Amino acid sequence: MLYINECINYDTPVRLVCEKEKKPLFGKAEPKIYFKNFNHAEFIGEELCGIRNIRCAHYFIAGLTKFKINKTLKRGEIDKYSPSIGIGSQDFMEQGKKYKYLYDYEEKADNGFESMLRNTKNDENKKQLCRDMLEMLALDIYMGQSDRSEVNIMFEEDREGNIRLAPLYDFEHSLNSTCIDNNNLYINCLYNFKTIDDCKEFIKQYPLFRDILASYLNVDLISIISRSYGRRGLTIPSDRWNFYMDFDQKQKEKIQKILTRA
């Protein structure tokens, strides 16, 4: 477990946000800011999404305060606002688009992947949604995601009725030694991979999944973490790097077994 006080410093930028949303008298309201407790995997998940061009929520260090303020200051300058420091993310929902969960389509959780593909309006949309979901499944397998469910998988519909996977969010139950379960490779409300053989059969049906999974064998997780934390003015304690290296090795070994047997 990594705590915020272990990686934050005086110069770390913190965006202060008020506990109560401000409603403007005139004009358009600012996008909503979601606040959650600090978790090391959120920033890393966003950075991994970036290298695969996966749409994702943007996370930043936030300070939740009762004062009516919305600006970014250095960590060493905010004590007078008595903030709770954690992670913020801006609402990614766009005007003119609808956002739904799997249960909004009345699909069964055990065949959600193929059911969602049947909801697409044409072959082009089907191909795009399929890739969106394959990218999510592969990322989650690499990160050891153990809590991807109907409440953190969202779909986005445009005015023409095209369906895409909405930007990904909620990576906190990943990159953790307790997430690695050799008995269940990856459980998801769209598709369950209980064993490597399940993944092998899935690759036969969706060959692109093999290529996406294989791309994670080339990921330099240490560089990813350094970059994701460095750009936010954070540092990783030196005693944490061995965990990340071991985690990366174990997940790549698991992926290699999937690819070898597929």
C-alpha atoms as a PDB file:
ATOM      1  CA  MET A   1       0.000   0.000   0.000  1.00  0.00           C
ATOM      2  CA  LEU A   2       1.262   3.461  -0.904  1.00  0.00           C
ATOM      3  CA  TYR A   3       0.045   6.488   1.041  1.00  0.00           C
ATOM      4  CA  ILE A   4      -0.212  10.049  -0.232  1.00  0.00           C
ATOM      5  CA  ASN A   5       2.140  11.420   2.452  1.00  0.00           C
ATOM      6  CA  GLU A   6       4.882   9.086   1.196  1.00  0.00           C
ATOM      7  CA  CYS A   7       4.994  10.586  -2.283  1.00  0.00           C
ATOM      8  CA  ILE A   8       3.783  14.189  -2.011  1.00  0.00           C
ATOM      9  CA  ASN A   9       6.124  17.122  -1.352  1.00  0.00           C
ATOM     10  CA  TYR A  10       6.027  20.894  -0.809  1.00  0.00           C
ATOM     11  CA  ASP A  11       5.943  21.745  -4.541  1.00  0.00           C
ATOM     12  CA  THR A  12       3.356  19.151  -5.579  1.00  0.00           C
ATOM     13  CA  PRO A  13       0.459  20.931  -7.323  1.00  0.00           C
ATOM     14  CA  VAL A  14      -2.874  20.359  -5.584  1.00  0.00           C
ATOM     15  CA  ARG A  15      -6.163  21.429  -7.100  1.00  0.00           C
ATOM     16  CA  LEU A  16      -8.417  22.746  -4.366  1.00  0.00           C
ATOM     17  CA  VAL A  17     -12.103  21.978  -4.803  1.00  0.00           C
ATOM     18  CA  CYS A  18     -15.044  22.923  -2.608  1.00  0.00           C
ATOM     19  CA  GLU A  19     -17.055  20.179  -0.920  1.00  0.00           C
ATOM     20  CA  LYS A  20     -20.211  21.833  -2.231  1.00  0.00           C
ATOM     21  CA  GLU A  21     -20.570  22.409  -5.940  1.00  0.00           C
ATOM     22  CA  LYS A  22     -20.879  26.013  -6.976  1.00  0.00           C
ATOM     23  CA  LYS A  23     -23.857  26.747  -9.196  1.00  0.00           C
ATOM     24  CA  PRO A  24     -23.292  29.841 -11.346  1.00  0.00           C
ATOM     25  CA  LEU A  25     -25.981  32.486 -11.565  1.00  0.00           C
ATOM     26  CA  PHE A  26     -25.311  32.843 -15.266  1.00  0.00           C
ATOM     27  CA  GLY A  27     -23.702  30.722 -17.936  1.00  0.00           C
ATOM     28  CA  LYS A  28     -22.619  27.109 -17.992  1.00  0.00           C
ATOM     29  CA  ALA A  29     -21.628  25.264 -14.832  1.00  0.00           C
ATOM     30  CA  GLU A  30     -18.097  23.935 -14.514  1.00  0.00           C
ATOM     31  CA  PRO A  31     -17.734  20.155 -15.051  1.00  0.00           C
ATOM     32  CA  LYS A  32     -18.259  18.195 -11.863  1.00  0.00           C
ATOM     33  CA  ILE A  33     -15.163  17.061  -9.962  1.00  0.00           C
ATOM     34  CA  TYR A  34     -15.245  13.595  -8.405  1.00  0.00           C
ATOM     35  CA  PHE A  35     -13.110  13.143  -5.293  1.00  0.00           C
ATOM     36  CA  LYS A  36     -11.836   9.855  -3.885  1.00  0.00           C
ATOM     37  CA  ASN A  37      -9.186   8.654  -1.471  1.00  0.00           C
ATOM     38  CA  PHE A  38      -5.644   8.399  -2.783  1.00  0.00           C
ATOM     39  CA  ASN A  39      -4.734   5.160  -4.554  1.00  0.00           C
ATOM     40  CA  HIS A  40      -1.486   4.485  -6.379  1.00  0.00           C
ATOM     41  CA  ALA A  41      -3.080   2.609  -9.290  1.00  0.00           C
ATOM     42  CA  GLU A  42      -5.288   5.423 -10.659  1.00  0.00           C
ATOM     43  CA  PHE A  43      -2.411   7.448 -12.123  1.00  0.00           C
ATOM     44  CA  ILE A  44      -0.682   4.339 -13.444  1.00  0.00           C
ATOM     45  CA  GLY A  45      -3.891   3.111 -15.076  1.00  0.00           C
ATOM     46  CA  GLU A  46      -4.327   6.431 -16.849  1.00  0.00           C
ATOM     47  CA  GLU A  47      -0.742   6.337 -18.128  1.00  0.00           C
ATOM     48  CA  LEU A  48      -1.158   2.779 -19.417  1.00  0.00           C
ATOM     49  CA  CYS A  49      -4.341   3.832 -21.204  1.00  0.00           C
ATOM     50  CA  GLY A  50      -2.362   6.572 -22.888  1.00  0.00           C
ATOM     51  CA  ILE A  51       0.147   4.228 -24.520  1.00  0.00           C
ATOM     52  CA  ARG A  52      -2.718   2.190 -26.034  1.00  0.00           C
ATOM     53  CA  ASN A  53      -4.854   5.250 -26.946  1.00  0.00           C
ATOM     54  CA  ILE A  54      -7.608   4.034 -24.629  1.00  0.00           C
ATOM     55  CA  ARG A  55     -10.017   6.749 -23.573  1.00  0.00           C
ATOM     56  CA  CYS A  56      -9.740   7.285 -19.834  1.00  0.00           C
ATOM     57  CA  ALA A  57     -10.699   9.638 -17.018  1.00  0.00           C
ATOM     58  CA  HIS A  58      -8.010  12.165 -16.100  1.00  0.00           C
ATOM     59  CA  TYR A  59      -6.780  12.035 -12.499  1.00  0.00           C
ATOM     60  CA  PHE A  60      -4.999  14.692 -10.470  1.00  0.00           C
ATOM     61  CA  ILE A  61      -4.076  15.423  -6.850  1.00  0.00           C
ATOM     62  CA  ALA A  62      -7.029  17.230  -5.268  1.00  0.00           C
ATOM     63  CA  GLY A  63      -7.642  18.912  -1.952  1.00  0.00           C
ATOM     64  CA  LEU A  64     -11.256  18.810  -0.795  1.00  0.00           C
ATOM     65  CA  THR A  65     -12.135  21.809   1.374  1.00  0.00           C
ATOM     66  CA  LYS A  66     -15.192  23.576   2.773  1.00  0.00           C
ATOM     67  CA  PHE A  67     -13.975  26.891   1.351  1.00  0.00           C
ATOM     68  CA  LYS A  68     -15.442  28.154  -1.918  1.00  0.00           C
ATOM     69  CA  ILE A  69     -12.302  27.844  -3.967  1.00  0.00           C
ATOM     70  CA  ASN A  70     -11.289  26.180  -7.207  1.00  0.00           C
ATOM     71  CA  LYS A  71      -7.637  26.705  -8.051  1.00  0.00           C
ATOM     72  CA  THR A  72      -4.306  24.905  -8.028  1.00  0.00           C
ATOM     73  CA  LEU A  73      -1.643  25.685  -5.421  1.00  0.00           C
ATOM     74  CA  LYS A  74       1.513  24.029  -4.163  1.00  0.00           C
ATOM     75  CA  ARG A  75       1.079  21.499  -1.361  1.00  0.00           C
ATOM     76  CA  GLY A  76       3.042  23.736   0.984  1.00  0.00           C
ATOM     77  CA  GLU A  77       0.623  26.607   0.479  1.00  0.00           C
ATOM     78  CA  ILE A  78      -2.730  24.986   1.258  1.00  0.00           C
ATOM     79  CA  ASP A  79      -2.753  24.151   4.972  1.00  0.00           C
ATOM     80  CA  LYS A  80      -4.891  27.203   5.781  1.00  0.00           C
ATOM     81  CA  TYR A  81      -7.713  25.615   3.743  1.00  0.00           C
ATOM     82  CA  SER A  82      -7.589  22.398   5.854  1.00  0.00           C
ATOM     83  CA  PRO A  83      -8.079  20.153   2.816  1.00  0.00           C
ATOM     84  CA  SER A  84      -8.484  16.402   2.660  1.00  0.00           C
ATOM     85  CA  ILE A  85      -5.914  15.405   0.052  1.00  0.00           C
ATOM     86  CA  GLY A  86      -6.818  12.666  -2.381  1.00  0.00           C
ATOM     87  CA  ILE A  87      -7.519  12.174  -6.071  1.00  0.00           C
ATOM     88  CA  GLY A  88      -9.823  14.215  -8.255  1.00  0.00           C
ATOM     89  CA  SER A  89     -11.199  13.543 -11.715  1.00  0.00           C
ATOM     90  CA  GLN A  90     -13.325  15.716 -13.946  1.00  0.00           C
ATOM     91  CA  ASP A  91     -16.643  14.444 -15.280  1.00  0.00           C
ATOM     92  CA  PHE A  92     -15.956  13.054 -18.768  1.00  0.00           C
ATOM     93  CA  MET A  93     -19.589  12.958 -19.909  1.00  0.00           C
ATOM     94  CA  GLU A  94     -20.220  15.056 -23.031  1.00  0.00           C
ATOM     95  CA  GLN A  95     -23.357  16.940 -23.938  1.00  0.00           C
ATOM     96  CA  GLY A  96     -25.459  15.275 -26.599  1.00  0.00           C
ATOM     97  CA  LYS A  97     -24.354  11.779 -25.620  1.00  0.00           C
ATOM     98  CA  LYS A  98     -26.067   9.171 -23.469  1.00  0.00           C
ATOM     99  CA  TYR A  99     -24.230   7.134 -20.861  1.00  0.00           C
ATOM    100  CA  LYS A 100     -25.469   3.732 -19.803  1.00  0.00           C
ATOM    101  CA  TYR A 101     -24.437   0.686 -17.821  1.00  0.00           C
ATOM    102  CA  LEU A 102     -24.705  -2.917 -18.947  1.00  0.00           C
ATOM    103  CA  TYR A 103     -27.932  -3.470 -17.029  1.00  0.00           C
ATOM    104  CA  ASP A 104     -29.518  -0.538 -18.901  1.00  0.00           C
ATOM    105  CA  TYR A 105     -29.426  -2.762 -21.983  1.00  0.00           C
ATOM    106  CA  GLU A 106     -31.094  -5.589 -20.064  1.00  0.00           C
ATOM    107  CA  GLU A 107     -28.229  -7.895 -20.925  1.00  0.00           C
ATOM    108  CA  LYS A 108     -27.183 -10.894 -18.870  1.00  0.00           C
ATOM    109  CA  ALA A 109     -23.852 -10.540 -17.127  1.00  0.00           C
ATOM    110  CA  ASP A 110     -22.573 -13.933 -18.332  1.00  0.00           C
ATOM    111  CA  ASN A 111     -22.718 -13.006 -22.037  1.00  0.00           C
ATOM    112  CA  GLY A 112     -22.441  -9.243 -21.905  1.00  0.00           C
ATOM    113  CA  PHE A 113     -19.615  -8.985 -24.449  1.00  0.00           C
ATOM    114  CA  GLU A 114     -21.453 -10.548 -27.376  1.00  0.00           C
ATOM    115  CA  SER A 115     -24.773  -9.081 -26.292  1.00  0.00           C
ATOM    116  CA  MET A 116     -23.362  -5.563 -26.455  1.00  0.00           C
ATOM    117  CA  LEU A 117     -21.990  -6.223 -29.927  1.00  0.00           C
ATOM    118  CA  ARG A 118     -25.500  -7.180 -31.040  1.00  0.00           C
ATOM    119  CA  ASN A 119     -26.717  -3.761 -29.866  1.00  0.00           C
ATOM    120  CA  THR A 120     -24.475  -1.885 -32.316  1.00  0.00           C
ATOM    121  CA  LYS A 121     -26.083  -0.119 -35.280  1.00  0.00           C
ATOM    122  CA  ASN A 122     -23.793  -1.426 -38.052  1.00  0.00           C
ATOM    123  CA  ASP A 123     -20.617  -3.402 -38.770  1.00  0.00           C
ATOM    124  CA  GLU A 124     -18.347  -0.390 -38.394  1.00  0.00           C
ATOM    125  CA  ASN A 125     -19.762   0.423 -34.968  1.00  0.00           C
ATOM    126  CA  LYS A 126     -19.535  -3.235 -33.994  1.00  0.00           C
ATOM    127  CA  LYS A 127     -15.843  -3.306 -34.908  1.00  0.00           C
ATOM    128  CA  GLN A 128     -15.123  -0.167 -32.864  1.00  0.00           C
ATOM    129  CA  LEU A 129     -17.006  -1.326 -29.772  1.00  0.00           C
ATOM    130  CA  CYS A 130     -15.366  -4.733 -30.000  1.00  0.00           C
ATOM    131  CA  ARG A 131     -11.915  -3.158 -30.000  1.00  0.00           C
ATOM    132  CA  ASP A 132     -12.876  -0.876 -27.093  1.00  0.00           C
ATOM    133  CA  MET A 133     -13.892  -3.844 -24.971  1.00  0.00           C
ATOM    134  CA  LEU A 134     -10.888  -5.971 -25.999  1.00  0.00           C
ATOM    135  CA  GLU A 135      -8.556  -3.143 -24.988  1.00  0.00           C
ATOM    136  CA  MET A 136     -10.209  -2.931 -21.575  1.00  0.00           C
ATOM    137  CA  LEU A 137     -10.027  -6.685 -20.984  1.00  0.00           C
ATOM    138  CA  ALA A 138      -6.333  -6.834 -21.910  1.00  0.00           C
ATOM    139  CA  LEU A 139      -5.434  -3.822 -19.764  1.00  0.00           C
ATOM    140  CA  ASP A 140      -7.292  -5.267 -16.785  1.00  0.00           C
ATOM    141  CA  ILE A 141      -5.553  -8.624 -17.128  1.00  0.00           C
ATOM    142  CA  TYR A 142      -2.142  -6.954 -17.142  1.00  0.00           C
ATOM    143  CA  MET A 143      -3.005  -4.685 -14.202  1.00  0.00           C
ATOM    144  CA  GLY A 144      -4.561  -7.517 -12.183  1.00  0.00           C
ATOM    145  CA  GLN A 145      -7.906  -5.707 -11.981  1.00  0.00           C
ATOM    146  CA  SER A 146     -10.181  -7.501  -9.513  1.00  0.00           C
ATOM    147  CA  ASP A 147     -13.174  -5.178  -9.426  1.00  0.00           C
ATOM    148  CA  ARG A 148     -14.356  -4.415 -12.960  1.00  0.00           C
ATOM    149  CA  SER A 149     -18.126  -4.706 -12.666  1.00  0.00           C
ATOM    150  CA  GLU A 150     -21.439  -3.284 -13.818  1.00  0.00           C
ATOM    151  CA  VAL A 151     -20.883  -0.127 -11.779  1.00  0.00           C
ATOM    152  CA  ASN A 152     -17.556   0.865 -13.359  1.00  0.00           C
ATOM    153  CA  ILE A 153     -18.091  -0.141 -16.991  1.00  0.00           C
ATOM    154  CA  MET A 154     -20.015   2.528 -18.831  1.00  0.00           C
ATOM    155  CA  PHE A 155     -21.157   2.770 -22.437  1.00  0.00           C
ATOM    156  CA  GLU A 156     -21.530   5.925 -24.495  1.00  0.00           C
ATOM    157  CA  GLU A 157     -24.106   6.511 -27.249  1.00  0.00           C
ATOM    158  CA  ASP A 158     -23.931   9.405 -29.703  1.00  0.00           C
ATOM    159  CA  ARG A 159     -26.850  11.080 -31.484  1.00  0.00           C
ATOM    160  CA  GLU A 160     -26.632   8.614 -34.380  1.00  0.00           C
ATOM    161  CA  GLY A 161     -26.950   5.628 -32.054  1.00  0.00           C
ATOM    162  CA  ASN A 162     -23.333   4.473 -32.228  1.00  0.00           C
ATOM    163  CA  ILE A 163     -22.201   2.710 -29.053  1.00  0.00           C
ATOM    164  CA  ARG A 164     -18.699   2.902 -27.638  1.00  0.00           C
ATOM    165  CA  LEU A 165     -17.141   2.038 -24.337  1.00  0.00           C
ATOM    166  CA  ALA A 166     -17.059   5.235 -22.306  1.00  0.00           C
ATOM    167  CA  PRO A 167     -13.688   6.430 -20.927  1.00  0.00           C
ATOM    168  CA  LEU A 168     -12.311   3.955 -18.404  1.00  0.00           C
ATOM    169  CA  TYR A 169     -12.084   4.809 -14.730  1.00  0.00           C
ATOM    170  CA  ASP A 170     -11.624   3.144 -11.338  1.00  0.00           C
ATOM    171  CA  PHE A 171      -8.307   1.266 -11.320  1.00  0.00           C
ATOM    172  CA  GLU A 172      -7.930   1.168  -7.546  1.00  0.00           C
ATOM    173  CA  HIS A 173      -8.405  -2.617  -7.208  1.00  0.00           C
ATOM    174  CA  SER A 174      -5.390  -3.457  -9.323  1.00  0.00           C
ATOM    175  CA  LEU A 175      -1.579  -3.415  -9.126  1.00  0.00           C
ATOM    176  CA  ASN A 176      -1.866  -5.178  -5.809  1.00  0.00           C
ATOM    177  CA  SER A 177      -0.462  -8.541  -4.762  1.00  0.00           C
ATOM    178  CA  THR A 178      -3.903  -9.609  -3.518  1.00  0.00           C
ATOM    179  CA  CYS A 179      -5.279  -9.052  -7.026  1.00  0.00           C
ATOM    180  CA  ILE A 180      -3.256 -11.935  -8.438  1.00  0.00           C
ATOM    181  CA  ASP A 181      -5.412 -15.063  -8.385  1.00  0.00           C
ATOM    182  CA  ASN A 182      -4.121 -18.052 -10.321  1.00  0.00           C
ATOM    183  CA  ASN A 183      -7.464 -19.811  -9.967  1.00  0.00           C
ATOM    184  CA  ASN A 184      -9.418 -17.003 -11.637  1.00  0.00           C
ATOM    185  CA  LEU A 185      -7.509 -15.252 -14.384  1.00  0.00           C
ATOM    186  CA  TYR A 186      -9.938 -12.343 -14.654  1.00  0.00           C
ATOM    187  CA  ILE A 187     -13.603 -12.028 -13.714  1.00  0.00           C
ATOM    188  CA  ASN A 188     -15.625  -9.362 -15.496  1.00  0.00           C
ATOM    189  CA  CYS A 189     -19.325  -8.696 -15.998  1.00  0.00           C
ATOM    190  CA  LEU A 190     -18.783  -8.742 -19.770  1.00  0.00           C
ATOM    191  CA  TYR A 191     -16.755 -11.945 -20.020  1.00  0.00           C
ATOM    192  CA  ASN A 192     -15.233 -14.286 -17.435  1.00  0.00           C
ATOM    193  CA  PHE A 193     -11.765 -15.763 -17.865  1.00  0.00           C
ATOM    194  CA  LYS A 194     -11.521 -18.293 -15.065  1.00  0.00           C
ATOM    195  CA  THR A 195      -8.569 -20.118 -16.617  1.00  0.00           C
ATOM    196  CA  ILE A 196      -5.918 -19.649 -19.270  1.00  0.00           C
ATOM    197  CA  ASP A 197      -7.899 -22.107 -21.400  1.00  0.00           C
ATOM    198  CA  ASP A 198     -10.876 -19.744 -21.285  1.00  0.00           C
ATOM    199  CA  CYS A 199      -8.632 -17.007 -22.621  1.00  0.00           C
ATOM    200  CA  LYS A 200      -7.314 -19.305 -25.336  1.00  0.00           C
ATOM    201  CA  GLU A 201     -10.840 -20.046 -26.562  1.00  0.00           C
ATOM    202  CA  PHE A 202     -11.679 -16.347 -26.523  1.00  0.00           C
ATOM    203  CA  ILE A 203      -8.621 -15.571 -28.667  1.00  0.00           C
ATOM    204  CA  LYS A 204      -9.816 -18.085 -31.261  1.00  0.00           C
ATOM    205  CA  GLN A 205     -13.005 -16.078 -31.597  1.00  0.00           C
ATOM    206  CA  TYR A 206     -11.336 -12.659 -31.366  1.00  0.00           C
ATOM    207  CA  PRO A 207      -7.739 -12.960 -32.738  1.00  0.00           C
ATOM    208  CA  LEU A 208      -7.097  -9.245 -32.220  1.00  0.00           C
ATOM    209  CA  PHE A 209      -7.154  -9.892 -28.476  1.00  0.00           C
ATOM    210  CA  ARG A 210      -3.906 -11.843 -28.829  1.00  0.00           C
ATOM    211  CA  ASP A 211      -2.113  -8.868 -30.377  1.00  0.00           C
ATOM    212  CA  ILE A 212      -3.420  -6.445 -27.747  1.00  0.00           C
ATOM    213  CA  LEU A 213      -2.362  -8.743 -24.906  1.00  0.00           C
ATOM    214  CA  ALA A 214       1.049  -9.258 -26.501  1.00  0.00           C
ATOM    215  CA  SER A 215       1.666  -5.500 -26.513  1.00  0.00           C
ATOM    216  CA  TYR A 216       1.869  -5.540 -22.708  1.00  0.00           C
ATOM    217  CA  LEU A 217       4.952  -7.751 -22.877  1.00  0.00           C
ATOM    218  CA  ASN A 218       6.779  -4.666 -24.161  1.00  0.00           C
ATOM    219  CA  VAL A 219       5.524  -2.310 -21.456  1.00  0.00           C
ATOM    220  CA  ASP A 220       8.201  -0.763 -19.252  1.00  0.00           C
ATOM    221  CA  LEU A 221       6.124  -0.479 -16.079  1.00  0.00           C
ATOM    222  CA  ILE A 222       8.874   1.274 -14.125  1.00  0.00           C
ATOM    223  CA  SER A 223       9.065   4.041 -16.740  1.00  0.00           C
ATOM    224  CA  ILE A 224       5.268   4.249 -16.827  1.00  0.00           C
ATOM    225  CA  ILE A 225       5.102   4.743 -13.060  1.00  0.00           C
ATOM    226  CA  SER A 226       7.968   7.237 -13.011  1.00  0.00           C
ATOM    227  CA  ARG A 227       6.314   9.281 -15.745  1.00  0.00           C
ATOM    228  CA  SER A 228       2.799   9.188 -14.292  1.00  0.00           C
ATOM    229  CA  TYR A 229       3.943  10.277 -10.845  1.00  0.00           C
ATOM    230  CA  GLY A 230       6.655  12.658 -11.998  1.00  0.00           C
ATOM    231  CA  ARG A 231       4.302  14.740 -14.106  1.00  0.00           C
ATOM    232  CA  ARG A 232       2.141  15.268 -11.010  1.00  0.00           C
ATOM    233  CA  GLY A 233       5.037  16.311  -8.820  1.00  0.00           C
ATOM    234  CA  LEU A 234       5.021  13.039  -6.876  1.00  0.00           C
ATOM    235  CA  THR A 235       7.809  10.600  -6.023  1.00  0.00           C
ATOM    236  CA  ILE A 236       7.739   6.867  -5.349  1.00  0.00           C
ATOM    237  CA  PRO A 237       9.601   5.657  -2.208  1.00  0.00           C
ATOM    238  CA  SER A 238      12.642   3.598  -3.186  1.00  0.00           C
ATOM    239  CA  ASP A 239      11.457   0.569  -1.211  1.00  0.00           C
ATOM    240  CA  ARG A 240       8.365   0.209  -3.448  1.00  0.00           C
ATOM    241  CA  TRP A 241      10.133  -0.440  -6.745  1.00  0.00           C
ATOM    242  CA  ASN A 242      10.829  -4.124  -6.058  1.00  0.00           C
ATOM    243  CA  PHE A 243       7.090  -4.745  -5.675  1.00  0.00           C
ATOM    244  CA  TYR A 244       6.337  -3.123  -9.027  1.00  0.00           C
ATOM    245  CA  MET A 245       9.102  -5.070 -10.767  1.00  0.00           C
ATOM    246  CA  ASP A 246       7.882  -8.365  -9.298  1.00  0.00           C
ATOM    247  CA  PHE A 247       4.275  -7.584 -10.186  1.00  0.00           C
ATOM    248  CA  ASP A 248       5.222  -6.708 -13.750  1.00  0.00           C
ATOM    249  CA  GLN A 249       7.194  -9.936 -14.133  1.00  0.00           C
ATOM    250  CA  LYS A 250       4.386 -12.142 -12.800  1.00  0.00           C
ATOM    251  CA  GLN A 251       1.743 -10.543 -15.010  1.00  0.00           C
ATOM    252  CA  LYS A 252       3.928 -10.833 -18.100  1.00  0.00           C
ATOM    253  CA  GLU A 253       4.608 -14.484 -17.308  1.00  0.00           C
ATOM    254  CA  LYS A 254       0.863 -15.032 -17.101  1.00  0.00           C
ATOM    255  CA  ILE A 255       0.289 -13.291 -20.434  1.00  0.00           C
ATOM    256  CA  GLN A 256       3.122 -15.273 -22.009  1.00  0.00           C
ATOM    257  CA  LYS A 257       1.421 -18.524 -20.930  1.00  0.00           C
ATOM    258  CA  ILE A 258      -1.825 -17.345 -22.527  1.00  0.00           C
ATOM    259  CA  LEU A 259      -0.087 -16.514 -25.807  1.00  0.00           C
ATOM    260  CA  THR A 260       1.973 -19.714 -25.844  1.00  0.00           C
ATOM    261  CA  ARG A 261      -1.078 -21.927 -25.413  1.00  0.00           C
ATOM    262  CA  ALA A 262      -3.431 -19.943 -27.679  1.00  0.00           C
END
